[in-house]
Amino acid sequence: MSAESIHLVTGDQPVPTDAMPVRASLTVNCLLPVRSNDTTALVLHDADPANWRQWFPPYTFYHTSVQRPVQSRADLENYLRNESEIRSSFDKSAIRADLSAHIQKLLSLTSIELTPEPVVPPDYWVKWSRSQHVWTAYCFVFYRVASAGPRSRLHPADNSALTIAPLDATAHEGKPIVENLVELLRDRAVREVLESHAIAI
């Protein structure tokens, strides 16, 4: 964990006063495990290769401002779900539909089906935004691709970059993999789920 990110693991974990977020994002991630050379790999995306130079799982997001100090992870979760301007975005059916449409278009898939429920409970972080120069709170949600169309192919529909990286990688092709994904994939149970449900596309 770097000095620019704080993982809020437990409900009573305090948010440091010197890292108080003024922005927040519900970030809905897509875990697409694939079989590659008899091993399981994950599809990763860099939406802005010229500037970001970092790999992320494909995702959609909903941004909002944080209008009051949040004291702990539990307080942050309560604020986002019940007080923030994006509180309605936590509806599972809506975010699954948005994510499915985005991934299908991004990856030029003929069809896609996501798991009904997230792979793990929501994951909360506070990170320093290099683009906005403020502390930002993140609620990360991870859905897994359950199936994809038989004629699917990995090809970005824009000028972004795609790759397939091993589950245990922390960097790939000279770029770091985003820290919260690396942390998630250290969980053996998560890796086992991805390995047992890898698909061929």
N, C-alpha and C. Protein backbone atom coordinates (compact mmCIF):
# COMPACT_ATOMS: atom_id res chain seq x y z
N MET A 1 0.84 -1.19 0.00
CA MET A 1 0.00 0.00 0.00
C MET A 1 0.88 1.24 0.00
N SER A 2 0.60 2.19 -0.87
CA SER A 2 1.45 3.37 -1.00
C SER A 2 0.95 4.47 -0.09
N ALA A 3 1.75 5.56 0.02
CA ALA A 3 1.36 6.71 0.83
C ALA A 3 0.20 7.46 0.20
N GLU A 4 -0.11 7.14 -1.06
CA GLU A 4 -1.19 7.82 -1.75
C GLU A 4 -2.48 7.01 -1.75
N SER A 5 -2.54 5.92 -0.99
CA SER A 5 -3.76 5.12 -0.93
C SER A 5 -3.91 4.49 0.45
N ILE A 6 -5.15 4.40 0.89
CA ILE A 6 -5.48 3.84 2.20
C ILE A 6 -6.61 2.83 1.99
N HIS A 7 -6.37 1.59 2.38
CA HIS A 7 -7.38 0.54 2.26
C HIS A 7 -8.20 0.52 3.53
N LEU A 8 -9.50 0.79 3.42
CA LEU A 8 -10.38 0.79 4.59
C LEU A 8 -10.98 -0.62 4.72
N VAL A 9 -10.40 -1.41 5.61
CA VAL A 9 -10.71 -2.83 5.68
C VAL A 9 -11.90 -3.11 6.58
N THR A 10 -11.95 -2.48 7.76
CA THR A 10 -13.01 -2.75 8.73
C THR A 10 -13.94 -1.55 8.86
N GLY A 11 -15.15 -1.81 9.33
CA GLY A 11 -16.14 -0.76 9.41
C GLY A 11 -15.75 0.38 10.32
N ASP A 12 -15.05 0.07 11.43
CA ASP A 12 -14.67 1.12 12.37
C ASP A 12 -13.32 1.76 12.06
N GLN A 13 -12.68 1.35 10.96
CA GLN A 13 -11.38 1.93 10.62
C GLN A 13 -11.56 3.41 10.29
N PRO A 14 -10.83 4.29 10.99
CA PRO A 14 -11.02 5.73 10.77
C PRO A 14 -10.43 6.20 9.45
N VAL A 15 -11.04 7.23 8.89
CA VAL A 15 -10.48 7.91 7.72
C VAL A 15 -9.55 8.99 8.25
N PRO A 16 -8.25 8.98 7.92
CA PRO A 16 -7.33 9.98 8.45
C PRO A 16 -7.77 11.41 8.09
N THR A 17 -7.63 12.30 9.03
CA THR A 17 -8.05 13.69 8.79
C THR A 17 -7.23 14.35 7.69
N ASP A 18 -5.98 13.90 7.50
CA ASP A 18 -5.15 14.49 6.45
C ASP A 18 -5.36 13.82 5.10
N ALA A 19 -6.32 12.90 5.03
CA ALA A 19 -6.67 12.25 3.75
C ALA A 19 -8.19 12.26 3.58
N MET A 20 -8.83 13.32 4.07
CA MET A 20 -10.28 13.38 4.01
C MET A 20 -10.74 13.57 2.57
N PRO A 21 -11.57 12.67 2.05
CA PRO A 21 -11.98 12.77 0.63
C PRO A 21 -12.96 13.91 0.40
N VAL A 22 -12.82 14.55 -0.75
CA VAL A 22 -13.78 15.56 -1.18
C VAL A 22 -14.53 15.09 -2.42
N ARG A 23 -14.09 13.99 -3.01
CA ARG A 23 -14.77 13.36 -4.13
C ARG A 23 -14.92 11.88 -3.81
N ALA A 24 -15.86 11.23 -4.50
CA ALA A 24 -16.05 9.80 -4.31
C ALA A 24 -16.49 9.17 -5.62
N SER A 25 -16.24 7.88 -5.73
CA SER A 25 -16.61 7.16 -6.94
C SER A 25 -17.07 5.76 -6.58
N LEU A 26 -18.22 5.39 -7.11
CA LEU A 26 -18.63 3.98 -7.15
C LEU A 26 -18.07 3.43 -8.44
N THR A 27 -17.11 2.52 -8.34
CA THR A 27 -16.43 1.98 -9.51
C THR A 27 -16.77 0.50 -9.64
N VAL A 28 -17.46 0.16 -10.73
CA VAL A 28 -17.97 -1.20 -10.93
C VAL A 28 -17.07 -1.90 -11.93
N ASN A 29 -16.36 -2.91 -11.45
CA ASN A 29 -15.32 -3.57 -12.24
C ASN A 29 -15.79 -4.89 -12.82
N CYS A 30 -15.20 -5.24 -13.95
CA CYS A 30 -15.49 -6.49 -14.63
C CYS A 30 -14.27 -7.40 -14.58
N LEU A 31 -14.42 -8.55 -13.94
CA LEU A 31 -13.36 -9.55 -13.93
C LEU A 31 -13.65 -10.57 -15.02
N LEU A 32 -12.78 -10.58 -16.02
CA LEU A 32 -12.95 -11.50 -17.16
C LEU A 32 -11.76 -12.46 -17.18
N PRO A 33 -11.90 -13.62 -16.51
CA PRO A 33 -10.81 -14.61 -16.51
C PRO A 33 -10.85 -15.43 -17.79
N VAL A 34 -9.70 -15.62 -18.40
CA VAL A 34 -9.61 -16.39 -19.64
C VAL A 34 -8.51 -17.43 -19.52
N ARG A 35 -8.64 -18.49 -20.31
CA ARG A 35 -7.60 -19.50 -20.36
C ARG A 35 -6.60 -19.13 -21.42
N SER A 36 -5.34 -19.07 -21.03
CA SER A 36 -4.26 -18.70 -21.94
C SER A 36 -3.07 -19.60 -21.70
N ASN A 37 -2.75 -20.44 -22.69
CA ASN A 37 -1.61 -21.36 -22.57
C ASN A 37 -1.71 -22.22 -21.31
N ASP A 38 -2.90 -22.77 -21.09
CA ASP A 38 -3.17 -23.66 -19.96
C ASP A 38 -3.08 -22.99 -18.60
N THR A 39 -3.05 -21.67 -18.56
CA THR A 39 -3.09 -20.95 -17.30
C THR A 39 -4.25 -19.96 -17.34
N THR A 40 -4.61 -19.45 -16.17
CA THR A 40 -5.69 -18.47 -16.09
C THR A 40 -5.11 -17.07 -16.06
N ALA A 41 -5.66 -16.22 -16.90
CA ALA A 41 -5.22 -14.83 -16.98
C ALA A 41 -6.44 -13.93 -16.89
N LEU A 42 -6.20 -12.65 -16.73
CA LEU A 42 -7.28 -11.68 -16.57
C LEU A 42 -7.16 -10.61 -17.64
N VAL A 43 -8.29 -10.25 -18.23
CA VAL A 43 -8.30 -9.17 -19.21
C VAL A 43 -8.20 -7.83 -18.48
N LEU A 44 -7.24 -7.01 -18.90
CA LEU A 44 -7.02 -5.70 -18.29
C LEU A 44 -7.08 -4.62 -19.35
N HIS A 45 -7.35 -3.39 -18.90
CA HIS A 45 -7.63 -2.29 -19.81
C HIS A 45 -6.88 -1.04 -19.35
N ASP A 46 -6.33 -0.30 -20.29
CA ASP A 46 -5.77 1.03 -20.03
C ASP A 46 -6.54 2.00 -20.93
N ALA A 47 -7.42 2.79 -20.32
CA ALA A 47 -8.30 3.66 -21.09
C ALA A 47 -7.58 4.83 -21.73
N ASP A 48 -6.41 5.19 -21.21
CA ASP A 48 -5.67 6.35 -21.73
C ASP A 48 -4.18 6.03 -21.72
N PRO A 49 -3.72 5.21 -22.67
CA PRO A 49 -2.32 4.75 -22.65
C PRO A 49 -1.29 5.87 -22.68
N ALA A 50 -1.62 6.99 -23.28
CA ALA A 50 -0.65 8.08 -23.39
C ALA A 50 -0.40 8.76 -22.04
N ASN A 51 -1.37 8.68 -21.13
CA ASN A 51 -1.25 9.42 -19.87
C ASN A 51 -1.30 8.52 -18.64
N TRP A 52 -2.16 7.52 -18.62
CA TRP A 52 -2.32 6.72 -17.42
C TRP A 52 -1.19 5.71 -17.24
N ARG A 53 -0.92 4.95 -18.29
CA ARG A 53 0.11 3.91 -18.25
C ARG A 53 -0.06 3.01 -17.01
N GLN A 54 -1.27 2.50 -16.85
CA GLN A 54 -1.58 1.59 -15.76
C GLN A 54 -2.73 0.69 -16.19
N TRP A 55 -2.67 -0.57 -15.74
CA TRP A 55 -3.70 -1.53 -16.11
C TRP A 55 -4.79 -1.59 -15.05
N PHE A 56 -6.04 -1.64 -15.50
CA PHE A 56 -7.21 -1.75 -14.65
C PHE A 56 -8.09 -2.87 -15.20
N PRO A 57 -8.96 -3.46 -14.37
CA PRO A 57 -10.02 -4.26 -14.98
C PRO A 57 -10.97 -3.32 -15.71
N PRO A 58 -11.60 -3.73 -16.78
CA PRO A 58 -12.59 -2.85 -17.42
C PRO A 58 -13.65 -2.45 -16.40
N TYR A 59 -14.11 -1.20 -16.45
CA TYR A 59 -15.02 -0.73 -15.41
C TYR A 59 -15.93 0.38 -15.92
N THR A 60 -16.98 0.63 -15.14
CA THR A 60 -17.80 1.83 -15.26
C THR A 60 -17.73 2.55 -13.91
N PHE A 61 -18.10 3.82 -13.89
CA PHE A 61 -18.00 4.55 -12.62
C PHE A 61 -19.08 5.62 -12.52
N TYR A 62 -19.32 6.03 -11.27
CA TYR A 62 -20.29 7.07 -10.95
C TYR A 62 -19.63 8.00 -9.92
N HIS A 63 -19.40 9.24 -10.30
CA HIS A 63 -18.69 10.19 -9.44
C HIS A 63 -19.66 11.08 -8.67
N THR A 64 -19.20 11.55 -7.51
CA THR A 64 -19.94 12.52 -6.74
C THR A 64 -18.98 13.29 -5.85
N SER A 65 -19.42 14.40 -5.32
CA SER A 65 -18.65 15.13 -4.32
C SER A 65 -19.01 14.59 -2.94
N VAL A 66 -18.13 14.81 -1.97
CA VAL A 66 -18.39 14.42 -0.58
C VAL A 66 -18.63 15.71 0.19
N GLN A 67 -19.83 15.89 0.69
CA GLN A 67 -20.26 17.17 1.24
C GLN A 67 -20.00 17.33 2.73
N ARG A 68 -19.54 16.26 3.38
CA ARG A 68 -19.23 16.36 4.81
C ARG A 68 -18.09 15.43 5.15
N PRO A 69 -17.39 15.67 6.25
CA PRO A 69 -16.34 14.73 6.66
C PRO A 69 -16.92 13.35 6.95
N VAL A 70 -16.20 12.32 6.56
CA VAL A 70 -16.58 10.95 6.90
C VAL A 70 -15.57 10.42 7.91
N GLN A 71 -16.07 9.79 8.93
CA GLN A 71 -15.22 9.44 10.06
C GLN A 71 -14.59 8.05 9.95
N SER A 72 -15.26 7.14 9.24
CA SER A 72 -14.80 5.75 9.20
C SER A 72 -15.29 5.11 7.92
N ARG A 73 -14.87 3.88 7.70
CA ARG A 73 -15.38 3.15 6.53
C ARG A 73 -16.90 3.03 6.59
N ALA A 74 -17.44 2.68 7.76
CA ALA A 74 -18.89 2.53 7.89
C ALA A 74 -19.60 3.85 7.59
N ASP A 75 -19.04 4.94 8.06
CA ASP A 75 -19.64 6.25 7.82
C ASP A 75 -19.57 6.60 6.33
N LEU A 76 -18.45 6.28 5.69
CA LEU A 76 -18.32 6.51 4.25
C LEU A 76 -19.36 5.69 3.48
N GLU A 77 -19.51 4.43 3.83
CA GLU A 77 -20.48 3.58 3.15
C GLU A 77 -21.89 4.12 3.33
N ASN A 78 -22.21 4.54 4.55
CA ASN A 78 -23.54 5.11 4.80
C ASN A 78 -23.76 6.38 3.99
N TYR A 79 -22.73 7.23 3.92
CA TYR A 79 -22.86 8.47 3.15
C TYR A 79 -23.12 8.17 1.68
N LEU A 80 -22.33 7.29 1.09
CA LEU A 80 -22.47 7.01 -0.34
C LEU A 80 -23.83 6.38 -0.66
N ARG A 81 -24.28 5.47 0.18
CA ARG A 81 -25.50 4.73 -0.12
C ARG A 81 -26.78 5.50 0.24
N ASN A 82 -26.68 6.42 1.18
CA ASN A 82 -27.91 7.05 1.68
C ASN A 82 -27.97 8.56 1.56
N GLU A 83 -26.82 9.23 1.38
CA GLU A 83 -26.82 10.69 1.37
C GLU A 83 -26.28 11.28 0.06
N SER A 84 -25.43 10.58 -0.63
CA SER A 84 -24.73 11.17 -1.78
C SER A 84 -25.63 11.27 -3.01
N GLU A 85 -25.15 12.03 -3.99
CA GLU A 85 -25.88 12.20 -5.23
C GLU A 85 -25.91 10.92 -6.07
N ILE A 86 -25.07 9.94 -5.75
CA ILE A 86 -25.04 8.70 -6.52
C ILE A 86 -25.70 7.55 -5.77
N ARG A 87 -26.46 7.85 -4.73
CA ARG A 87 -27.05 6.78 -3.92
C ARG A 87 -27.94 5.84 -4.74
N SER A 88 -28.62 6.37 -5.76
CA SER A 88 -29.46 5.51 -6.59
C SER A 88 -28.64 4.59 -7.49
N SER A 89 -27.35 4.90 -7.67
CA SER A 89 -26.50 4.10 -8.55
C SER A 89 -26.08 2.78 -7.92
N PHE A 90 -26.41 2.57 -6.66
CA PHE A 90 -26.06 1.31 -6.01
C PHE A 90 -27.05 0.20 -6.32
N ASP A 91 -28.07 0.48 -7.13
CA ASP A 91 -29.01 -0.54 -7.55
C ASP A 91 -28.29 -1.60 -8.40
N LYS A 92 -28.33 -2.85 -7.96
CA LYS A 92 -27.54 -3.90 -8.62
C LYS A 92 -27.95 -4.13 -10.06
N SER A 93 -29.24 -4.15 -10.32
CA SER A 93 -29.67 -4.43 -11.69
C SER A 93 -29.22 -3.33 -12.64
N ALA A 94 -29.23 -2.09 -12.18
CA ALA A 94 -28.82 -0.97 -13.03
C ALA A 94 -27.33 -1.00 -13.32
N ILE A 95 -26.51 -1.22 -12.28
CA ILE A 95 -25.07 -1.19 -12.52
C ILE A 95 -24.61 -2.40 -13.32
N ARG A 96 -25.29 -3.55 -13.15
CA ARG A 96 -24.95 -4.71 -13.97
C ARG A 96 -25.27 -4.45 -15.43
N ALA A 97 -26.41 -3.81 -15.68
CA ALA A 97 -26.80 -3.51 -17.06
C ALA A 97 -25.82 -2.52 -17.69
N ASP A 98 -25.44 -1.48 -16.95
CA ASP A 98 -24.48 -0.50 -17.46
C ASP A 98 -23.13 -1.15 -17.75
N LEU A 99 -22.67 -1.98 -16.81
CA LEU A 99 -21.37 -2.64 -16.99
C LEU A 99 -21.41 -3.60 -18.17
N SER A 100 -22.46 -4.37 -18.30
CA SER A 100 -22.57 -5.32 -19.41
C SER A 100 -22.51 -4.60 -20.75
N ALA A 101 -23.27 -3.52 -20.88
CA ALA A 101 -23.29 -2.77 -22.14
C ALA A 101 -21.92 -2.19 -22.46
N HIS A 102 -21.26 -1.66 -21.43
CA HIS A 102 -19.93 -1.07 -21.64
C HIS A 102 -18.92 -2.12 -22.06
N ILE A 103 -18.90 -3.25 -21.38
CA ILE A 103 -17.91 -4.30 -21.68
C ILE A 103 -18.18 -4.90 -23.05
N GLN A 104 -19.43 -5.12 -23.38
CA GLN A 104 -19.74 -5.70 -24.68
C GLN A 104 -19.27 -4.80 -25.81
N LYS A 105 -19.47 -3.49 -25.66
CA LYS A 105 -19.01 -2.55 -26.68
C LYS A 105 -17.49 -2.42 -26.69
N LEU A 106 -16.89 -2.29 -25.52
CA LEU A 106 -15.44 -2.10 -25.42
C LEU A 106 -14.68 -3.26 -26.04
N LEU A 107 -15.12 -4.49 -25.74
CA LEU A 107 -14.38 -5.68 -26.17
C LEU A 107 -14.92 -6.29 -27.46
N SER A 108 -15.87 -5.60 -28.09
CA SER A 108 -16.47 -6.11 -29.33
C SER A 108 -17.02 -7.52 -29.14
N LEU A 109 -17.73 -7.74 -28.04
CA LEU A 109 -18.30 -9.05 -27.75
C LEU A 109 -19.67 -9.18 -28.40
N THR A 110 -19.97 -10.38 -28.85
CA THR A 110 -21.29 -10.61 -29.43
C THR A 110 -22.36 -10.72 -28.35
N SER A 111 -21.98 -11.19 -27.18
CA SER A 111 -22.90 -11.26 -26.04
C SER A 111 -22.08 -11.38 -24.77
N ILE A 112 -22.71 -11.07 -23.65
CA ILE A 112 -22.01 -11.18 -22.37
C ILE A 112 -23.02 -11.39 -21.26
N GLU A 113 -22.64 -12.17 -20.27
CA GLU A 113 -23.48 -12.41 -19.09
C GLU A 113 -22.61 -12.27 -17.85
N LEU A 114 -23.02 -11.39 -16.93
CA LEU A 114 -22.30 -11.20 -15.68
C LEU A 114 -22.93 -12.03 -14.58
N THR A 115 -22.15 -12.34 -13.54
CA THR A 115 -22.69 -13.03 -12.38
C THR A 115 -23.77 -12.18 -11.73
N PRO A 116 -24.81 -12.80 -11.15
CA PRO A 116 -25.89 -12.03 -10.52
C PRO A 116 -25.41 -11.19 -9.34
N GLU A 117 -24.40 -11.67 -8.63
CA GLU A 117 -23.89 -10.98 -7.45
C GLU A 117 -22.40 -10.69 -7.62
N PRO A 118 -21.91 -9.66 -6.92
CA PRO A 118 -20.46 -9.39 -6.97
C PRO A 118 -19.66 -10.57 -6.44
N VAL A 119 -18.40 -10.64 -6.88
CA VAL A 119 -17.50 -11.73 -6.47
C VAL A 119 -17.17 -11.64 -4.99
N VAL A 120 -17.01 -10.44 -4.49
CA VAL A 120 -16.67 -10.17 -3.09
C VAL A 120 -17.52 -8.99 -2.61
N PRO A 121 -17.61 -8.77 -1.31
CA PRO A 121 -18.30 -7.57 -0.82
C PRO A 121 -17.60 -6.31 -1.32
N PRO A 122 -18.30 -5.18 -1.33
CA PRO A 122 -17.69 -3.92 -1.77
C PRO A 122 -16.41 -3.61 -1.01
N ASP A 123 -15.46 -3.03 -1.72
CA ASP A 123 -14.12 -2.76 -1.18
C ASP A 123 -13.92 -1.24 -1.17
N TYR A 124 -13.53 -0.70 -0.03
CA TYR A 124 -13.42 0.76 0.12
C TYR A 124 -11.97 1.20 0.27
N TRP A 125 -11.63 2.23 -0.48
CA TRP A 125 -10.29 2.82 -0.44
C TRP A 125 -10.43 4.34 -0.44
N VAL A 126 -9.38 5.01 0.06
CA VAL A 126 -9.20 6.45 -0.15
C VAL A 126 -7.88 6.62 -0.88
N LYS A 127 -7.92 7.30 -2.02
CA LYS A 127 -6.72 7.46 -2.84
C LYS A 127 -6.53 8.91 -3.24
N TRP A 128 -5.27 9.28 -3.42
CA TRP A 128 -4.94 10.61 -3.92
C TRP A 128 -5.10 10.62 -5.43
N SER A 129 -5.93 11.52 -5.94
CA SER A 129 -6.16 11.61 -7.38
C SER A 129 -5.09 12.50 -8.00
N ARG A 130 -4.28 11.91 -8.85
CA ARG A 130 -3.21 12.68 -9.50
C ARG A 130 -3.77 13.64 -10.55
N SER A 131 -4.93 13.31 -11.09
CA SER A 131 -5.51 14.19 -12.11
C SER A 131 -6.27 15.36 -11.47
N GLN A 132 -6.96 15.09 -10.36
CA GLN A 132 -7.76 16.14 -9.71
C GLN A 132 -7.05 16.79 -8.54
N HIS A 133 -5.97 16.15 -8.06
CA HIS A 133 -5.17 16.67 -6.94
C HIS A 133 -5.99 16.82 -5.67
N VAL A 134 -6.82 15.82 -5.41
CA VAL A 134 -7.61 15.78 -4.18
C VAL A 134 -7.71 14.32 -3.73
N TRP A 135 -8.07 14.13 -2.46
CA TRP A 135 -8.34 12.78 -1.97
C TRP A 135 -9.72 12.34 -2.43
N THR A 136 -9.79 11.12 -2.93
CA THR A 136 -11.03 10.57 -3.47
C THR A 136 -11.33 9.24 -2.79
N ALA A 137 -12.58 9.07 -2.35
CA ALA A 137 -13.01 7.79 -1.78
C ALA A 137 -13.56 6.91 -2.89
N TYR A 138 -13.25 5.63 -2.82
CA TYR A 138 -13.70 4.68 -3.83
C TYR A 138 -14.44 3.53 -3.17
N CYS A 139 -15.57 3.20 -3.75
CA CYS A 139 -16.24 1.94 -3.45
C CYS A 139 -16.07 1.06 -4.68
N PHE A 140 -15.28 0.02 -4.57
CA PHE A 140 -15.03 -0.88 -5.69
C PHE A 140 -15.94 -2.10 -5.59
N VAL A 141 -16.64 -2.37 -6.67
CA VAL A 141 -17.50 -3.54 -6.78
C VAL A 141 -16.99 -4.38 -7.94
N PHE A 142 -16.93 -5.70 -7.76
CA PHE A 142 -16.37 -6.59 -8.78
C PHE A 142 -17.38 -7.65 -9.19
N TYR A 143 -17.77 -7.61 -10.47
CA TYR A 143 -18.57 -8.68 -11.06
C TYR A 143 -17.68 -9.52 -11.97
N ARG A 144 -18.03 -10.79 -12.12
CA ARG A 144 -17.29 -11.68 -13.00
C ARG A 144 -18.12 -11.98 -14.25
N VAL A 145 -17.44 -12.11 -15.37
CA VAL A 145 -18.11 -12.54 -16.59
C VAL A 145 -18.39 -14.04 -16.47
N ALA A 146 -19.67 -14.40 -16.56
CA ALA A 146 -20.05 -15.80 -16.48
C ALA A 146 -19.98 -16.48 -17.85
N SER A 147 -20.30 -15.72 -18.90
CA SER A 147 -20.20 -16.26 -20.25
C SER A 147 -20.09 -15.11 -21.23
N ALA A 148 -19.52 -15.41 -22.39
CA ALA A 148 -19.41 -14.43 -23.47
C ALA A 148 -19.68 -15.15 -24.77
N GLY A 149 -20.13 -14.39 -25.77
CA GLY A 149 -20.54 -14.96 -27.04
C GLY A 149 -19.45 -15.77 -27.72
N PRO A 150 -19.81 -16.85 -28.41
CA PRO A 150 -18.82 -17.75 -29.01
C PRO A 150 -17.99 -17.11 -30.11
N ARG A 151 -18.46 -16.02 -30.69
CA ARG A 151 -17.67 -15.36 -31.72
C ARG A 151 -16.96 -14.12 -31.19
N SER A 152 -16.85 -14.03 -29.86
CA SER A 152 -16.22 -12.87 -29.25
C SER A 152 -14.74 -12.81 -29.58
N ARG A 153 -14.22 -11.59 -29.57
CA ARG A 153 -12.78 -11.40 -29.77
C ARG A 153 -12.34 -10.21 -28.95
N LEU A 154 -11.11 -10.28 -28.47
CA LEU A 154 -10.56 -9.19 -27.68
C LEU A 154 -10.04 -8.11 -28.61
N HIS A 155 -10.82 -7.08 -28.74
CA HIS A 155 -10.42 -5.98 -29.61
C HIS A 155 -11.08 -4.70 -29.11
N PRO A 156 -10.31 -3.71 -28.64
CA PRO A 156 -10.93 -2.49 -28.12
C PRO A 156 -11.64 -1.71 -29.21
N ALA A 157 -12.77 -1.14 -28.82
CA ALA A 157 -13.57 -0.39 -29.78
C ALA A 157 -13.13 1.07 -29.88
N ASP A 158 -12.09 1.44 -29.17
CA ASP A 158 -11.59 2.82 -29.21
C ASP A 158 -10.07 2.79 -29.26
N ASN A 159 -9.42 3.86 -28.85
CA ASN A 159 -7.95 3.93 -28.90
C ASN A 159 -7.30 3.49 -27.60
N SER A 160 -8.04 2.82 -26.76
CA SER A 160 -7.49 2.33 -25.51
C SER A 160 -6.67 1.06 -25.76
N ALA A 161 -6.11 0.51 -24.68
CA ALA A 161 -5.27 -0.67 -24.80
C ALA A 161 -5.82 -1.81 -23.95
N LEU A 162 -5.70 -3.02 -24.46
CA LEU A 162 -6.11 -4.22 -23.74
C LEU A 162 -4.94 -5.18 -23.64
N THR A 163 -4.95 -5.99 -22.59
CA THR A 163 -3.95 -7.03 -22.45
C THR A 163 -4.54 -8.17 -21.65
N ILE A 164 -3.82 -9.28 -21.59
CA ILE A 164 -4.18 -10.42 -20.74
C ILE A 164 -2.98 -10.69 -19.84
N ALA A 165 -3.19 -10.60 -18.53
CA ALA A 165 -2.09 -10.73 -17.57
C ALA A 165 -2.35 -11.87 -16.60
N PRO A 166 -1.30 -12.56 -16.16
CA PRO A 166 -1.46 -13.63 -15.17
C PRO A 166 -2.08 -13.11 -13.88
N LEU A 167 -2.78 -13.99 -13.16
CA LEU A 167 -3.46 -13.58 -11.93
C LEU A 167 -2.51 -13.09 -10.85
N ASP A 168 -1.27 -13.58 -10.86
CA ASP A 168 -0.33 -13.19 -9.81
C ASP A 168 0.57 -12.02 -10.20
N ALA A 169 0.29 -11.39 -11.34
CA ALA A 169 1.13 -10.28 -11.80
C ALA A 169 0.83 -9.01 -11.01
N THR A 170 1.87 -8.23 -10.75
CA THR A 170 1.70 -6.89 -10.18
C THR A 170 1.99 -5.81 -11.22
N ALA A 171 2.59 -6.21 -12.33
CA ALA A 171 2.85 -5.33 -13.47
C ALA A 171 2.84 -6.20 -14.72
N HIS A 172 2.62 -5.56 -15.87
CA HIS A 172 2.56 -6.32 -17.11
C HIS A 172 2.91 -5.39 -18.27
N GLU A 173 3.78 -5.86 -19.13
CA GLU A 173 4.18 -5.10 -20.31
C GLU A 173 4.68 -3.70 -19.94
N GLY A 174 5.41 -3.63 -18.84
CA GLY A 174 6.01 -2.37 -18.43
C GLY A 174 5.10 -1.41 -17.70
N LYS A 175 3.86 -1.83 -17.39
CA LYS A 175 2.92 -0.97 -16.68
C LYS A 175 2.49 -1.64 -15.38
N PRO A 176 2.32 -0.87 -14.30
CA PRO A 176 1.80 -1.46 -13.07
C PRO A 176 0.32 -1.79 -13.20
N ILE A 177 -0.10 -2.79 -12.45
CA ILE A 177 -1.52 -3.13 -12.33
C ILE A 177 -2.07 -2.42 -11.10
N VAL A 178 -3.25 -1.84 -11.21
CA VAL A 178 -3.79 -1.01 -10.15
C VAL A 178 -3.79 -1.77 -8.82
N GLU A 179 -3.44 -1.06 -7.78
CA GLU A 179 -3.14 -1.66 -6.48
C GLU A 179 -4.30 -2.44 -5.87
N ASN A 180 -5.50 -1.91 -5.97
CA ASN A 180 -6.62 -2.59 -5.31
C ASN A 180 -6.94 -3.93 -5.99
N LEU A 181 -6.67 -4.05 -7.30
CA LEU A 181 -6.87 -5.33 -7.97
C LEU A 181 -5.80 -6.33 -7.54
N VAL A 182 -4.57 -5.87 -7.44
CA VAL A 182 -3.48 -6.74 -6.96
C VAL A 182 -3.82 -7.27 -5.57
N GLU A 183 -4.32 -6.37 -4.71
CA GLU A 183 -4.69 -6.76 -3.35
C GLU A 183 -5.82 -7.80 -3.38
N LEU A 184 -6.82 -7.60 -4.21
CA LEU A 184 -7.93 -8.54 -4.32
C LEU A 184 -7.45 -9.92 -4.74
N LEU A 185 -6.54 -9.96 -5.72
CA LEU A 185 -6.10 -11.24 -6.27
C LEU A 185 -5.13 -11.98 -5.35
N ARG A 186 -4.74 -11.37 -4.24
CA ARG A 186 -3.97 -12.09 -3.23
C ARG A 186 -4.86 -13.05 -2.43
N ASP A 187 -6.16 -12.88 -2.55
CA ASP A 187 -7.13 -13.72 -1.86
C ASP A 187 -7.24 -15.06 -2.62
N ARG A 188 -6.83 -16.14 -1.98
CA ARG A 188 -6.82 -17.45 -2.64
C ARG A 188 -8.21 -17.85 -3.10
N ALA A 189 -9.23 -17.55 -2.30
CA ALA A 189 -10.60 -17.92 -2.67
C ALA A 189 -11.03 -17.22 -3.95
N VAL A 190 -10.64 -15.95 -4.11
CA VAL A 190 -10.97 -15.22 -5.34
C VAL A 190 -10.26 -15.84 -6.53
N ARG A 191 -8.98 -16.14 -6.37
CA ARG A 191 -8.23 -16.76 -7.47
C ARG A 191 -8.83 -18.10 -7.87
N GLU A 192 -9.25 -18.89 -6.88
CA GLU A 192 -9.84 -20.20 -7.19
C GLU A 192 -11.13 -20.05 -7.97
N VAL A 193 -11.95 -19.06 -7.63
CA VAL A 193 -13.18 -18.81 -8.38
C VAL A 193 -12.85 -18.44 -9.82
N LEU A 194 -11.88 -17.56 -9.99
CA LEU A 194 -11.52 -17.14 -11.36
C LEU A 194 -10.94 -18.30 -12.16
N GLU A 195 -10.10 -19.10 -11.52
CA GLU A 195 -9.48 -20.23 -12.22
C GLU A 195 -10.53 -21.27 -12.62
N SER A 196 -11.52 -21.48 -11.78
CA SER A 196 -12.52 -22.51 -12.08
C SER A 196 -13.58 -22.02 -13.06
N HIS A 197 -13.62 -20.72 -13.33
CA HIS A 197 -14.62 -20.18 -14.24
C HIS A 197 -14.00 -19.43 -15.43
N ALA A 198 -12.74 -19.72 -15.71
CA ALA A 198 -12.11 -19.08 -16.86
C ALA A 198 -12.78 -19.51 -18.15
N ILE A 199 -12.91 -18.58 -19.08
CA ILE A 199 -13.60 -18.88 -20.34
C ILE A 199 -12.65 -18.66 -21.52
N ALA A 200 -13.01 -19.22 -22.63
CA ALA A 200 -12.24 -19.05 -23.86
C ALA A 200 -13.00 -18.09 -24.76
N ILE A 201 -12.33 -17.01 -25.18
CA ILE A 201 -12.97 -16.07 -26.09
C ILE A 201 -12.02 -15.73 -27.23
